[in-house]
Amino acid sequence: MVNVFAPWWGGASILLLALIALRSGGALRATSCVIAGIVCLRLIVLFAAMPAATAASRHEPDLRVISFNIWKDNEDRTRVTRWLDKQDADVVILLEAPIGSENFDNSLRRRYPYHYGCARNGPCSTRIISKWPALHVRHFADNDPENRLGLSALSARLSVAGSPVTIVAVHMDRPWPLGRRDRRLPQMAAVLRQAKAPIVLSGDFNSAPWTVGQSRIVAANDLTIASGTKGTWPSWAPIPLLPLDQAYASPCVRAVQVKRGPHLGSDHQPLVMDFKRTNCGAN
């Protein structure tokens, strides 16, 4: 959890240590300089482990994906459904989607008729909705359809305009109590191992992309970050500070544009992602 805020605590620590070094001498100055160097090294290690952002493509996109943590207590669901309808995406990943709300589900079916959840049987708050029917779906809910206790995920193999892609939706556990989220990382790795390339992985990771464990898992599955460090939380801040919502893609899936959506009653802002698929294979 501490590493999520690394850019802020690291920068503040270096500034404080620099002030101490300037105002002191002898052993205290030397100690401050050594600690500042250790903090700098720690930050370098963290960000070096982070995959490089996918370079933007000049080609026209052929795949639009939206990822949005709606927030289960969102009272502005009508605005959410209207906005999603206007985006005309190929695939939408929904986190904390309302369970048992027929009005919400039915309002989305005109644009996105195919709905898949993280649980094999029964409703689930992590969903993939799509214009395109799934060729294959895997459900990975950890006996927790509202994702309060663990990993909530699913993957759907879709043929979008005749070209296959696997969409993996993930909602990771909160980082507190300390260490609990780390136990879910092997589960996320298992989800990715079972997914067939090319892959677009997106969702609410409740962490930052520069954390070592997470960046190693996506790199091991030949995925690079498409969303960069674009902040999405908290949405009520003038500038959302933390990139808790992220997207990763296979090498042949290039980001044309990734942008934040508007504030829609959730503490997260949605990600709207346009991709171009090149030489991804035919199966």
C-alpha atoms as a PDB file:
ATOM      1  CA  MET A   1       0.000   0.000   0.000  1.00  0.00           C
ATOM      2  CA  VAL A   2       2.869   2.390   0.823  1.00  0.00           C
ATOM      3  CA  ASN A   3       4.263   2.141  -2.711  1.00  0.00           C
ATOM      4  CA  VAL A   4       0.968   3.329  -4.193  1.00  0.00           C
ATOM      5  CA  PHE A   5       1.785   6.794  -2.860  1.00  0.00           C
ATOM      6  CA  ALA A   6       5.485   6.556  -3.759  1.00  0.00           C
ATOM      7  CA  PRO A   7       5.640   9.681  -5.957  1.00  0.00           C
ATOM      8  CA  TRP A   8       4.234  11.820  -3.157  1.00  0.00           C
ATOM      9  CA  TRP A   9       5.948  10.413  -0.074  1.00  0.00           C
ATOM     10  CA  GLY A  10       9.173  10.004  -2.004  1.00  0.00           C
ATOM     11  CA  GLY A  11       9.214  13.570  -3.274  1.00  0.00           C
ATOM     12  CA  ALA A  12       8.210  14.982   0.112  1.00  0.00           C
ATOM     13  CA  SER A  13      10.890  12.915   1.876  1.00  0.00           C
ATOM     14  CA  ILE A  14      13.633  14.060  -0.497  1.00  0.00           C
ATOM     15  CA  LEU A  15      12.588  17.693  -0.087  1.00  0.00           C
ATOM     16  CA  LEU A  16      12.536  17.394   3.710  1.00  0.00           C
ATOM     17  CA  LEU A  17      15.929  15.684   3.800  1.00  0.00           C
ATOM     18  CA  ALA A  18      17.381  18.340   1.518  1.00  0.00           C
ATOM     19  CA  LEU A  19      16.184  21.072   3.878  1.00  0.00           C
ATOM     20  CA  ILE A  20      17.667  19.236   6.856  1.00  0.00           C
ATOM     21  CA  ALA A  21      21.006  18.868   5.027  1.00  0.00           C
ATOM     22  CA  LEU A  22      21.095  22.573   4.149  1.00  0.00           C
ATOM     23  CA  ARG A  23      20.388  23.653   7.715  1.00  0.00           C
ATOM     24  CA  SER A  24      22.715  21.246   9.466  1.00  0.00           C
ATOM     25  CA  GLY A  25      26.253  20.015   9.254  1.00  0.00           C
ATOM     26  CA  GLY A  26      28.522  17.140  10.113  1.00  0.00           C
ATOM     27  CA  ALA A  27      27.017  13.745  10.727  1.00  0.00           C
ATOM     28  CA  LEU A  28      23.393  14.913  10.392  1.00  0.00           C
ATOM     29  CA  ARG A  29      24.037  16.351   6.932  1.00  0.00           C
ATOM     30  CA  ALA A  30      25.790  13.169   5.821  1.00  0.00           C
ATOM     31  CA  THR A  31      22.995  11.010   7.223  1.00  0.00           C
ATOM     32  CA  SER A  32      20.339  13.108   5.456  1.00  0.00           C
ATOM     33  CA  CYS A  33      22.154  12.798   2.150  1.00  0.00           C
ATOM     34  CA  VAL A  34      22.486   9.022   2.519  1.00  0.00           C
ATOM     35  CA  ILE A  35      18.785   8.588   3.340  1.00  0.00           C
ATOM     36  CA  ALA A  36      17.795  10.855   0.443  1.00  0.00           C
ATOM     37  CA  GLY A  37      19.924   8.694  -1.848  1.00  0.00           C
ATOM     38  CA  ILE A  38      18.208   5.531  -0.586  1.00  0.00           C
ATOM     39  CA  VAL A  39      14.770   7.057  -1.190  1.00  0.00           C
ATOM     40  CA  CYS A  40      15.791   8.084  -4.724  1.00  0.00           C
ATOM     41  CA  LEU A  41      17.087   4.582  -5.399  1.00  0.00           C
ATOM     42  CA  ARG A  42      13.845   3.066  -4.115  1.00  0.00           C
ATOM     43  CA  LEU A  43      11.807   5.266  -6.450  1.00  0.00           C
ATOM     44  CA  ILE A  44      14.039   4.351  -9.394  1.00  0.00           C
ATOM     45  CA  VAL A  45      13.574   0.640  -8.650  1.00  0.00           C
ATOM     46  CA  LEU A  46       9.794   1.038  -8.452  1.00  0.00           C
ATOM     47  CA  PHE A  47       9.433   2.911 -11.718  1.00  0.00           C
ATOM     48  CA  ALA A  48      12.000   0.804 -13.553  1.00  0.00           C
ATOM     49  CA  ALA A  49       9.804  -2.235 -12.812  1.00  0.00           C
ATOM     50  CA  MET A  50       6.820  -0.540 -14.423  1.00  0.00           C
ATOM     51  CA  PRO A  51       6.177  -1.491 -18.071  1.00  0.00           C
ATOM     52  CA  ALA A  52       6.548   1.314 -20.560  1.00  0.00           C
ATOM     53  CA  ALA A  53       3.354   2.951 -21.788  1.00  0.00           C
ATOM     54  CA  THR A  54       2.145   1.738 -25.145  1.00  0.00           C
ATOM     55  CA  ALA A  55       3.080   4.156 -27.915  1.00  0.00           C
ATOM     56  CA  ALA A  56       0.152   5.828 -29.619  1.00  0.00           C
ATOM     57  CA  SER A  57      -0.690   4.627 -33.110  1.00  0.00           C
ATOM     58  CA  ARG A  58      -1.447   6.885 -36.065  1.00  0.00           C
ATOM     59  CA  HIS A  59      -3.908   4.350 -37.448  1.00  0.00           C
ATOM     60  CA  GLU A  60      -7.656   4.547 -37.096  1.00  0.00           C
ATOM     61  CA  PRO A  61      -8.901   2.487 -34.123  1.00  0.00           C
ATOM     62  CA  ASP A  62     -10.863  -0.728 -34.618  1.00  0.00           C
ATOM     63  CA  LEU A  63     -11.599  -1.506 -30.981  1.00  0.00           C
ATOM     64  CA  ARG A  64     -13.089   0.773 -28.320  1.00  0.00           C
ATOM     65  CA  VAL A  65     -13.085  -0.430 -24.713  1.00  0.00           C
ATOM     66  CA  ILE A  66     -14.471   1.408 -21.691  1.00  0.00           C
ATOM     67  CA  SER A  67     -13.595   0.480 -18.116  1.00  0.00           C
ATOM     68  CA  PHE A  68     -15.599   2.047 -15.302  1.00  0.00           C
ATOM     69  CA  ASN A  69     -16.028   1.432 -11.581  1.00  0.00           C
ATOM     70  CA  ILE A  70     -19.610   2.660 -11.264  1.00  0.00           C
ATOM     71  CA  TRP A  71     -19.611   2.525  -7.420  1.00  0.00           C
ATOM     72  CA  LYS A  72     -22.303   0.303  -5.975  1.00  0.00           C
ATOM     73  CA  ASP A  73     -24.055   3.188  -4.172  1.00  0.00           C
ATOM     74  CA  ASN A  74     -24.130   5.450  -7.228  1.00  0.00           C
ATOM     75  CA  GLU A  75     -27.504   7.211  -7.345  1.00  0.00           C
ATOM     76  CA  ASP A  76     -26.923   8.634 -10.826  1.00  0.00           C
ATOM     77  CA  ARG A  77     -27.198   5.374 -12.779  1.00  0.00           C
ATOM     78  CA  THR A  78     -29.433   6.871 -15.464  1.00  0.00           C
ATOM     79  CA  ARG A  79     -26.679   9.311 -16.353  1.00  0.00           C
ATOM     80  CA  VAL A  80     -24.215   6.402 -16.473  1.00  0.00           C
ATOM     81  CA  THR A  81     -26.339   4.411 -18.909  1.00  0.00           C
ATOM     82  CA  ARG A  82     -26.974   7.431 -21.129  1.00  0.00           C
ATOM     83  CA  TRP A  83     -23.269   8.234 -21.290  1.00  0.00           C
ATOM     84  CA  LEU A  84     -22.336   4.628 -22.088  1.00  0.00           C
ATOM     85  CA  ASP A  85     -24.942   4.524 -24.832  1.00  0.00           C
ATOM     86  CA  LYS A  86     -23.425   7.605 -26.487  1.00  0.00           C
ATOM     87  CA  GLN A  87     -19.877   6.204 -26.399  1.00  0.00           C
ATOM     88  CA  ASP A  88     -20.785   3.392 -28.812  1.00  0.00           C
ATOM     89  CA  ALA A  89     -17.962   1.188 -27.491  1.00  0.00           C
ATOM     90  CA  ASP A  90     -17.347  -2.352 -28.665  1.00  0.00           C
ATOM     91  CA  VAL A  91     -16.838  -3.595 -25.106  1.00  0.00           C
ATOM     92  CA  VAL A  92     -17.555  -2.120 -21.672  1.00  0.00           C
ATOM     93  CA  ILE A  93     -16.019  -3.373 -18.432  1.00  0.00           C
ATOM     94  CA  LEU A  94     -18.175  -2.548 -15.424  1.00  0.00           C
ATOM     95  CA  LEU A  95     -16.942  -2.745 -11.822  1.00  0.00           C
ATOM     96  CA  GLU A  96     -19.294  -2.519  -8.826  1.00  0.00           C
ATOM     97  CA  ALA A  97     -22.220  -2.785 -11.217  1.00  0.00           C
ATOM     98  CA  PRO A  98     -25.558  -2.917  -9.386  1.00  0.00           C
ATOM     99  CA  ILE A  99     -26.780  -6.431  -8.723  1.00  0.00           C
ATOM    100  CA  GLY A 100     -30.459  -7.137  -9.278  1.00  0.00           C
ATOM    101  CA  SER A 101     -31.241  -3.845 -11.037  1.00  0.00           C
ATOM    102  CA  GLU A 102     -33.293  -4.832 -14.081  1.00  0.00           C
ATOM    103  CA  ASN A 103     -33.788  -1.207 -15.123  1.00  0.00           C
ATOM    104  CA  PHE A 104     -30.044  -0.634 -15.237  1.00  0.00           C
ATOM    105  CA  ASP A 105     -29.338  -3.846 -17.152  1.00  0.00           C
ATOM    106  CA  ASN A 106     -32.174  -3.411 -19.628  1.00  0.00           C
ATOM    107  CA  SER A 107     -31.218   0.176 -20.411  1.00  0.00           C
ATOM    108  CA  LEU A 108     -27.812  -1.061 -21.592  1.00  0.00           C
ATOM    109  CA  ARG A 109     -29.008  -3.962 -23.735  1.00  0.00           C
ATOM    110  CA  ARG A 110     -30.035  -1.881 -26.736  1.00  0.00           C
ATOM    111  CA  ARG A 111     -26.411  -0.886 -27.384  1.00  0.00           C
ATOM    112  CA  TYR A 112     -24.701  -3.800 -25.613  1.00  0.00           C
ATOM    113  CA  PRO A 113     -26.892  -6.903 -25.884  1.00  0.00           C
ATOM    114  CA  TYR A 114     -24.346  -9.417 -24.558  1.00  0.00           C
ATOM    115  CA  HIS A 115     -23.748  -9.438 -20.785  1.00  0.00           C
ATOM    116  CA  TYR A 116     -21.256 -11.646 -18.913  1.00  0.00           C
ATOM    117  CA  GLY A 117     -20.498 -11.713 -15.184  1.00  0.00           C
ATOM    118  CA  CYS A 118     -17.638 -12.848 -12.977  1.00  0.00           C
ATOM    119  CA  ALA A 119     -19.743 -15.612 -11.409  1.00  0.00           C
ATOM    120  CA  ARG A 120     -20.717 -18.727 -13.344  1.00  0.00           C
ATOM    121  CA  ASN A 121     -24.141 -18.810 -11.723  1.00  0.00           C
ATOM    122  CA  GLY A 122     -25.986 -15.760 -10.509  1.00  0.00           C
ATOM    123  CA  PRO A 123     -25.302 -12.028 -10.786  1.00  0.00           C
ATOM    124  CA  CYS A 124     -21.917 -10.456 -10.214  1.00  0.00           C
ATOM    125  CA  SER A 125     -20.687  -6.878  -9.832  1.00  0.00           C
ATOM    126  CA  THR A 126     -17.758  -7.285 -12.265  1.00  0.00           C
ATOM    127  CA  ARG A 127     -19.096  -7.581 -15.798  1.00  0.00           C
ATOM    128  CA  ILE A 128     -18.228  -7.418 -19.461  1.00  0.00           C
ATOM    129  CA  ILE A 129     -20.974  -6.114 -21.731  1.00  0.00           C
ATOM    130  CA  SER A 130     -20.471  -6.084 -25.466  1.00  0.00           C
ATOM    131  CA  LYS A 131     -21.861  -5.523 -28.942  1.00  0.00           C
ATOM    132  CA  TRP A 132     -20.279  -8.827 -29.882  1.00  0.00           C
ATOM    133  CA  PRO A 133     -21.119 -12.311 -28.571  1.00  0.00           C
ATOM    134  CA  ALA A 134     -18.416 -14.164 -26.679  1.00  0.00           C
ATOM    135  CA  LEU A 135     -16.757 -17.192 -28.194  1.00  0.00           C
ATOM    136  CA  HIS A 136     -15.699 -18.325 -24.727  1.00  0.00           C
ATOM    137  CA  VAL A 137     -16.077 -16.968 -21.163  1.00  0.00           C
ATOM    138  CA  ARG A 138     -14.186 -17.814 -17.978  1.00  0.00           C
ATOM    139  CA  HIS A 139     -15.540 -16.786 -14.569  1.00  0.00           C
ATOM    140  CA  PHE A 140     -13.134 -16.122 -11.710  1.00  0.00           C
ATOM    141  CA  ALA A 141     -15.240 -14.675  -8.879  1.00  0.00           C
ATOM    142  CA  ASP A 142     -13.838 -15.667  -5.513  1.00  0.00           C
ATOM    143  CA  ASN A 143     -17.245 -16.654  -4.070  1.00  0.00           C
ATOM    144  CA  ASP A 144     -17.862 -12.960  -3.617  1.00  0.00           C
ATOM    145  CA  PRO A 145     -20.069 -11.434  -6.323  1.00  0.00           C
ATOM    146  CA  GLU A 146     -19.872  -7.908  -4.865  1.00  0.00           C
ATOM    147  CA  ASN A 147     -16.076  -8.072  -4.515  1.00  0.00           C
ATOM    148  CA  ARG A 148     -15.735  -7.113  -0.901  1.00  0.00           C
ATOM    149  CA  LEU A 149     -13.372  -9.929   0.051  1.00  0.00           C
ATOM    150  CA  GLY A 150     -11.122 -10.704  -2.888  1.00  0.00           C
ATOM    151  CA  LEU A 151     -10.483 -10.955  -6.582  1.00  0.00           C
ATOM    152  CA  SER A 152     -13.482 -10.502  -8.848  1.00  0.00           C
ATOM    153  CA  ALA A 153     -12.630 -11.202 -12.486  1.00  0.00           C
ATOM    154  CA  LEU A 154     -13.690 -12.731 -15.782  1.00  0.00           C
ATOM    155  CA  SER A 155     -12.373 -13.082 -19.303  1.00  0.00           C
ATOM    156  CA  ALA A 156     -14.323 -13.121 -22.552  1.00  0.00           C
ATOM    157  CA  ARG A 157     -12.924 -14.154 -25.925  1.00  0.00           C
ATOM    158  CA  LEU A 158     -14.681 -11.991 -28.517  1.00  0.00           C
ATOM    159  CA  SER A 159     -14.527 -11.771 -32.285  1.00  0.00           C
ATOM    160  CA  VAL A 160     -14.770  -8.017 -32.816  1.00  0.00           C
ATOM    161  CA  ALA A 161     -15.375  -7.218 -36.481  1.00  0.00           C
ATOM    162  CA  GLY A 162     -13.956 -10.637 -37.347  1.00  0.00           C
ATOM    163  CA  SER A 163     -10.752 -10.242 -35.333  1.00  0.00           C
ATOM    164  CA  PRO A 164     -10.433 -12.128 -32.016  1.00  0.00           C
ATOM    165  CA  VAL A 165      -9.405 -10.485 -28.755  1.00  0.00           C
ATOM    166  CA  THR A 166      -9.626 -11.608 -25.127  1.00  0.00           C
ATOM    167  CA  ILE A 167     -10.994  -8.995 -22.749  1.00  0.00           C
ATOM    168  CA  VAL A 168      -9.987  -9.558 -19.124  1.00  0.00           C
ATOM    169  CA  ALA A 169     -11.877  -7.586 -16.473  1.00  0.00           C
ATOM    170  CA  VAL A 170     -10.377  -7.407 -12.986  1.00  0.00           C
ATOM    171  CA  HIS A 171     -11.461  -5.814  -9.721  1.00  0.00           C
ATOM    172  CA  MET A 172      -8.748  -6.219  -7.127  1.00  0.00           C
ATOM    173  CA  ASP A 173      -9.194  -6.107  -3.377  1.00  0.00           C
ATOM    174  CA  ARG A 174      -8.609  -2.920  -1.404  1.00  0.00           C
ATOM    175  CA  PRO A 175      -5.042  -2.540  -0.076  1.00  0.00           C
ATOM    176  CA  TRP A 176      -6.100  -2.630   3.553  1.00  0.00           C
ATOM    177  CA  PRO A 177      -5.648  -4.437   5.873  1.00  0.00           C
ATOM    178  CA  LEU A 178      -2.013  -4.324   4.846  1.00  0.00           C
ATOM    179  CA  GLY A 179      -0.871  -7.332   2.832  1.00  0.00           C
ATOM    180  CA  ARG A 180      -4.340  -8.656   2.024  1.00  0.00           C
ATOM    181  CA  ARG A 181      -4.280  -7.412  -1.581  1.00  0.00           C
ATOM    182  CA  ASP A 182      -0.881  -9.021  -2.186  1.00  0.00           C
ATOM    183  CA  ARG A 183      -2.408 -12.442  -1.648  1.00  0.00           C
ATOM    184  CA  ARG A 184      -4.654 -11.801  -4.658  1.00  0.00           C
ATOM    185  CA  LEU A 185      -1.790 -11.143  -7.088  1.00  0.00           C
ATOM    186  CA  PRO A 186      -1.151 -14.863  -7.748  1.00  0.00           C
ATOM    187  CA  GLN A 187      -4.859 -15.220  -8.565  1.00  0.00           C
ATOM    188  CA  MET A 188      -4.601 -12.406 -11.109  1.00  0.00           C
ATOM    189  CA  ALA A 189      -1.537 -14.096 -12.601  1.00  0.00           C
ATOM    190  CA  ALA A 190      -3.533 -17.335 -12.952  1.00  0.00           C
ATOM    191  CA  VAL A 191      -6.339 -15.475 -14.758  1.00  0.00           C
ATOM    192  CA  LEU A 192      -3.844 -14.077 -17.273  1.00  0.00           C
ATOM    193  CA  ARG A 193      -2.162 -17.448 -17.818  1.00  0.00           C
ATOM    194  CA  GLN A 194      -5.498 -18.891 -18.902  1.00  0.00           C
ATOM    195  CA  ALA A 195      -6.272 -16.019 -21.279  1.00  0.00           C
ATOM    196  CA  LYS A 196      -5.488 -16.422 -24.960  1.00  0.00           C
ATOM    197  CA  ALA A 197      -3.622 -13.612 -26.724  1.00  0.00           C
ATOM    198  CA  PRO A 198      -4.182 -10.977 -27.904  1.00  0.00           C
ATOM    199  CA  ILE A 199      -5.362  -9.592 -24.573  1.00  0.00           C
ATOM    200  CA  VAL A 200      -6.757  -6.340 -23.270  1.00  0.00           C
ATOM    201  CA  LEU A 201      -6.671  -6.324 -19.462  1.00  0.00           C
ATOM    202  CA  SER A 202      -8.467  -3.536 -17.637  1.00  0.00           C
ATOM    203  CA  GLY A 203     -10.298  -2.749 -14.431  1.00  0.00           C
ATOM    204  CA  ASP A 204      -9.934  -1.302 -10.956  1.00  0.00           C
ATOM    205  CA  PHE A 205      -6.654  -2.564  -9.495  1.00  0.00           C
ATOM    206  CA  ASN A 206      -6.908  -0.603  -6.230  1.00  0.00           C
ATOM    207  CA  SER A 207      -3.204   0.048  -6.661  1.00  0.00           C
ATOM    208  CA  ALA A 208      -0.798   1.928  -8.903  1.00  0.00           C
ATOM    209  CA  PRO A 209       0.868   0.481 -12.014  1.00  0.00           C
ATOM    210  CA  TRP A 210       4.361   1.185 -10.676  1.00  0.00           C
ATOM    211  CA  THR A 211       4.051  -1.290  -7.799  1.00  0.00           C
ATOM    212  CA  VAL A 212       6.561  -4.085  -8.311  1.00  0.00           C
ATOM    213  CA  GLY A 213       4.335  -7.150  -7.891  1.00  0.00           C
ATOM    214  CA  GLN A 214       1.677  -5.965 -10.306  1.00  0.00           C
ATOM    215  CA  SER A 215       4.098  -4.732 -12.976  1.00  0.00           C
ATOM    216  CA  ARG A 216       5.966  -8.050 -12.906  1.00  0.00           C
ATOM    217  CA  ILE A 217       2.782 -10.040 -13.461  1.00  0.00           C
ATOM    218  CA  VAL A 218       1.690  -8.074 -16.520  1.00  0.00           C
ATOM    219  CA  ALA A 219       5.218  -8.093 -17.957  1.00  0.00           C
ATOM    220  CA  ALA A 220       5.416 -11.880 -17.504  1.00  0.00           C
ATOM    221  CA  ASN A 221       2.315 -12.191 -19.680  1.00  0.00           C
ATOM    222  CA  ASP A 222       3.779  -9.946 -22.393  1.00  0.00           C
ATOM    223  CA  LEU A 223       1.456  -7.046 -21.627  1.00  0.00           C
ATOM    224  CA  THR A 224       2.384  -3.366 -21.552  1.00  0.00           C
ATOM    225  CA  ILE A 225       0.478  -0.520 -20.002  1.00  0.00           C
ATOM    226  CA  ALA A 226      -1.813   1.375 -22.360  1.00  0.00           C
ATOM    227  CA  SER A 227      -3.272   3.861 -19.871  1.00  0.00           C
ATOM    228  CA  GLY A 228       0.017   5.278 -18.565  1.00  0.00           C
ATOM    229  CA  THR A 229      -0.247   7.013 -15.191  1.00  0.00           C
ATOM    230  CA  LYS A 230      -3.524   8.778 -15.925  1.00  0.00           C
ATOM    231  CA  GLY A 231      -5.231   9.439 -12.575  1.00  0.00           C
ATOM    232  CA  THR A 232      -8.824   8.239 -12.169  1.00  0.00           C
ATOM    233  CA  TRP A 233      -9.363   8.478  -8.400  1.00  0.00           C
ATOM    234  CA  PRO A 234     -10.765  10.322  -6.538  1.00  0.00           C
ATOM    235  CA  SER A 235     -13.060  11.751  -9.185  1.00  0.00           C
ATOM    236  CA  TRP A 236     -14.169  14.611  -6.930  1.00  0.00           C
ATOM    237  CA  ALA A 237     -10.630  16.051  -6.786  1.00  0.00           C
ATOM    238  CA  PRO A 238      -9.749  18.897  -9.197  1.00  0.00           C
ATOM    239  CA  ILE A 239      -7.231  16.493 -10.736  1.00  0.00           C
ATOM    240  CA  PRO A 240      -7.619  12.777  -9.892  1.00  0.00           C
ATOM    241  CA  LEU A 241      -4.311  11.766  -8.331  1.00  0.00           C
ATOM    242  CA  LEU A 242      -4.098   7.985  -8.375  1.00  0.00           C
ATOM    243  CA  PRO A 243      -4.279   5.735 -11.472  1.00  0.00           C
ATOM    244  CA  LEU A 244      -6.256   2.988  -9.731  1.00  0.00           C
ATOM    245  CA  ASP A 245      -8.013   2.158 -13.015  1.00  0.00           C
ATOM    246  CA  GLN A 246      -5.602   0.860 -15.636  1.00  0.00           C
ATOM    247  CA  ALA A 247      -5.408  -0.922 -18.977  1.00  0.00           C
ATOM    248  CA  TYR A 248      -2.769  -3.270 -20.415  1.00  0.00           C
ATOM    249  CA  ALA A 249      -2.550  -4.807 -23.867  1.00  0.00           C
ATOM    250  CA  SER A 250      -0.680  -7.365 -25.945  1.00  0.00           C
ATOM    251  CA  PRO A 251       2.049  -6.060 -28.296  1.00  0.00           C
ATOM    252  CA  CYS A 252      -0.200  -6.220 -31.370  1.00  0.00           C
ATOM    253  CA  VAL A 253      -2.916  -4.126 -29.699  1.00  0.00           C
ATOM    254  CA  ARG A 254      -1.744  -0.519 -29.892  1.00  0.00           C
ATOM    255  CA  ALA A 255      -3.378   2.393 -28.084  1.00  0.00           C
ATOM    256  CA  VAL A 256      -4.600   5.136 -30.407  1.00  0.00           C
ATOM    257  CA  GLN A 257      -6.136   7.203 -27.619  1.00  0.00           C
ATOM    258  CA  VAL A 258      -6.804   6.761 -23.901  1.00  0.00           C
ATOM    259  CA  LYS A 259      -8.779   9.419 -22.070  1.00  0.00           C
ATOM    260  CA  ARG A 260     -10.748   9.911 -18.887  1.00  0.00           C
ATOM    261  CA  GLY A 261     -14.504  10.093 -19.015  1.00  0.00           C
ATOM    262  CA  PRO A 262     -16.546  12.585 -16.984  1.00  0.00           C
ATOM    263  CA  HIS A 263     -17.575  12.450 -13.351  1.00  0.00           C
ATOM    264  CA  LEU A 264     -20.679  10.230 -13.305  1.00  0.00           C
ATOM    265  CA  GLY A 265     -21.574   9.898  -9.640  1.00  0.00           C
ATOM    266  CA  SER A 266     -18.730   7.506  -8.792  1.00  0.00           C
ATOM    267  CA  ASP A 267     -15.484   8.119  -6.915  1.00  0.00           C
ATOM    268  CA  HIS A 268     -13.730   6.764 -10.043  1.00  0.00           C
ATOM    269  CA  GLN A 269     -13.631   8.269 -13.502  1.00  0.00           C
ATOM    270  CA  PRO A 270     -14.057   5.920 -16.474  1.00  0.00           C
ATOM    271  CA  LEU A 271     -11.318   5.138 -18.971  1.00  0.00           C
ATOM    272  CA  VAL A 272     -12.222   5.365 -22.655  1.00  0.00           C
ATOM    273  CA  MET A 273      -9.675   3.486 -24.779  1.00  0.00           C
ATOM    274  CA  ASP A 274      -9.335   3.243 -28.545  1.00  0.00           C
ATOM    275  CA  PHE A 275      -7.052   0.508 -29.901  1.00  0.00           C
ATOM    276  CA  LYS A 276      -5.741  -0.614 -33.284  1.00  0.00           C
ATOM    277  CA  ARG A 277      -5.004  -4.318 -33.695  1.00  0.00           C
ATOM    278  CA  THR A 278      -2.192  -5.236 -36.075  1.00  0.00           C
ATOM    279  CA  ASN A 279      -0.938  -8.709 -37.024  1.00  0.00           C
ATOM    280  CA  CYS A 280      -2.632 -10.355 -34.060  1.00  0.00           C
ATOM    281  CA  GLY A 281      -3.348 -13.635 -35.806  1.00  0.00           C
ATOM    282  CA  ALA A 282      -6.621 -15.136 -36.871  1.00  0.00           C
ATOM    283  CA  ASN A 283      -7.589 -17.531 -34.060  1.00  0.00           C
END
